[in-house]
Amino acid sequence: MPGHRGPRIASHRRDVEVPPQVQWLLDSMTMSSAFVRNSRTDVDAGTPWPEHCTRRCSTAPPSTSTAAPNIARYVFLDLDAHDFFVDRAVSGNATAALLRAEAAREPRDRALRELIGELPTPQPGAH
């Protein structure tokens, strides 16, 4: 239906404006899930399905840099992530690789550096 906007996850940050074309795409996805995230893994928008995931990410320890649900904080700081992900280690490795790539791409991003500083560092010999 033209002009109809179904349920969706609203933009969580005031400084994030999801382009109308992207929101239209999200709104049209009624049988699958998708979300829009930024380089710091803040969830900015999404389809209704990942709302459950977004609520989980919202329960991760809060940050001073953002009020948006954050995937990295959820993966590394919330014990619930161990039960939520089929393979939490793989999710953690992928999230860490993403953050390393973003830190290399944007070395002056203070909020990204602060986020990385909040996360635990790997222990030698830990698997």
Protein backbone atom coordinates (compact mmCIF):
# COMPACT_ATOMS: atom_id res chain seq x y z
CA MET A 1 0.00 0.00 0.00
CA PRO A 2 1.61 3.30 -1.04
CA GLY A 3 2.49 5.56 1.83
CA HIS A 4 1.91 2.82 4.41
CA ARG A 5 4.67 2.61 6.96
CA GLY A 6 4.66 -0.56 9.01
CA PRO A 7 6.18 -1.08 12.41
CA ARG A 8 9.89 -0.56 12.63
CA ILE A 9 12.67 0.24 15.02
CA ALA A 10 12.94 4.00 15.08
CA SER A 11 16.24 5.76 14.86
CA HIS A 12 17.72 5.57 18.35
CA ARG A 13 20.07 8.53 18.07
CA ARG A 14 19.12 12.09 17.33
CA ASP A 15 22.15 12.62 15.09
CA VAL A 16 21.33 9.62 12.88
CA GLU A 17 19.04 10.14 9.93
CA VAL A 18 18.27 6.93 8.09
CA PRO A 19 17.83 7.82 4.40
CA PRO A 20 14.20 7.46 3.24
CA GLN A 21 15.18 4.84 0.64
CA VAL A 22 16.81 2.70 3.34
CA GLN A 23 13.81 3.06 5.64
CA TRP A 24 11.51 2.16 2.73
CA LEU A 25 13.56 -0.99 2.15
CA LEU A 26 13.38 -1.90 5.85
CA ASP A 27 9.64 -1.26 5.92
CA SER A 28 9.12 -3.52 2.90
CA MET A 29 10.88 -6.47 4.57
CA THR A 30 7.98 -8.17 6.32
CA MET A 31 9.21 -11.77 6.26
CA SER A 32 12.85 -11.27 7.20
CA SER A 33 15.05 -9.26 9.46
CA ALA A 34 17.57 -6.53 8.86
CA PHE A 35 19.08 -3.63 10.73
CA VAL A 36 21.21 -0.60 10.04
CA ARG A 37 24.26 -0.11 12.22
CA ASN A 38 27.07 2.37 12.29
CA SER A 39 30.82 1.79 12.50
CA ARG A 40 30.60 1.48 16.30
CA THR A 41 27.92 -1.24 16.02
CA ASP A 42 25.16 1.03 17.34
CA VAL A 43 21.82 -0.17 15.95
CA ASP A 44 20.22 2.85 14.27
CA ALA A 45 17.16 1.29 12.58
CA GLY A 46 15.72 -2.06 11.61
CA THR A 47 12.79 -4.25 10.72
CA PRO A 48 10.39 -5.32 13.48
CA TRP A 49 11.88 -8.82 13.83
CA PRO A 50 15.26 -7.82 15.27
CA GLU A 51 13.45 -5.67 17.83
CA HIS A 52 13.86 -8.62 20.22
CA CYS A 53 17.60 -8.52 19.56
CA THR A 54 17.67 -4.76 19.92
CA ARG A 55 15.95 -4.99 23.29
CA ARG A 56 18.62 -7.49 24.34
CA CYS A 57 21.37 -5.15 23.15
CA SER A 58 19.71 -2.35 25.11
CA THR A 59 20.23 -4.30 28.34
CA ALA A 60 24.00 -4.35 27.86
CA PRO A 61 25.90 -2.04 30.20
CA PRO A 62 25.27 1.58 29.21
CA SER A 63 27.81 3.74 27.48
CA THR A 64 28.58 7.39 27.81
CA SER A 65 29.01 7.68 24.04
CA THR A 66 25.56 6.57 22.85
CA ALA A 67 22.05 5.70 23.92
CA ALA A 68 21.57 3.35 20.97
CA PRO A 69 21.57 -0.42 21.46
CA ASN A 70 25.10 -1.61 20.77
CA ILE A 71 25.96 -5.01 19.34
CA ALA A 72 29.57 -5.08 20.56
CA ARG A 73 28.59 -4.33 24.16
CA TYR A 74 25.95 -7.04 24.01
CA VAL A 75 28.32 -9.64 22.55
CA PHE A 76 31.16 -8.96 24.98
CA LEU A 77 29.56 -7.61 28.17
CA ASP A 78 26.16 -9.26 28.52
CA LEU A 79 26.09 -12.85 29.83
CA ASP A 80 22.81 -13.38 27.95
CA ALA A 81 24.81 -13.30 24.69
CA HIS A 82 26.29 -16.71 25.54
CA ASP A 83 22.79 -18.20 25.36
CA PHE A 84 21.53 -16.05 22.50
CA PHE A 85 24.22 -16.79 19.89
CA VAL A 86 24.63 -20.32 18.57
CA ASP A 87 28.40 -19.79 18.60
CA ARG A 88 29.24 -16.80 20.76
CA ALA A 89 32.97 -17.17 20.02
CA VAL A 90 32.37 -16.75 16.28
CA SER A 91 30.13 -13.73 16.94
CA GLY A 92 32.79 -12.25 19.21
CA ASN A 93 35.56 -12.81 16.67
CA ALA A 94 33.51 -11.23 13.87
CA THR A 95 32.59 -8.25 16.05
CA ALA A 96 36.22 -7.77 17.16
CA ALA A 97 37.41 -7.93 13.53
CA LEU A 98 34.81 -5.35 12.53
CA LEU A 99 35.90 -2.99 15.32
CA ARG A 100 39.60 -3.43 14.44
CA ALA A 101 38.87 -2.60 10.79
CA GLU A 102 36.84 0.47 11.76
CA ALA A 103 39.56 1.63 14.19
CA ALA A 104 42.13 1.38 11.39
CA ARG A 105 39.82 3.22 8.97
CA GLU A 106 38.89 5.96 11.47
CA PRO A 107 41.79 6.29 13.94
CA ARG A 108 40.50 9.64 15.26
CA ASP A 109 37.02 8.36 16.16
CA ARG A 110 37.03 9.01 19.90
CA ALA A 111 33.70 7.25 20.53
CA LEU A 112 35.00 4.14 18.79
CA ARG A 113 38.19 4.17 20.88
CA GLU A 114 36.09 4.57 24.04
CA LEU A 115 33.89 1.64 23.02
CA ILE A 116 36.91 -0.58 22.36
CA GLY A 117 38.34 0.45 25.73
CA GLU A 118 35.15 -0.75 27.47
CA LEU A 119 35.41 -4.24 26.02
CA PRO A 120 37.41 -7.06 27.60
CA THR A 121 40.77 -8.00 26.11
CA PRO A 122 41.54 -11.63 25.21
CA GLN A 123 43.34 -13.65 27.85
CA PRO A 124 46.40 -15.65 26.70
CA GLY A 125 45.49 -19.29 26.24
CA ALA A 126 41.73 -18.64 26.48
CA HIS A 127 39.58 -20.28 23.81
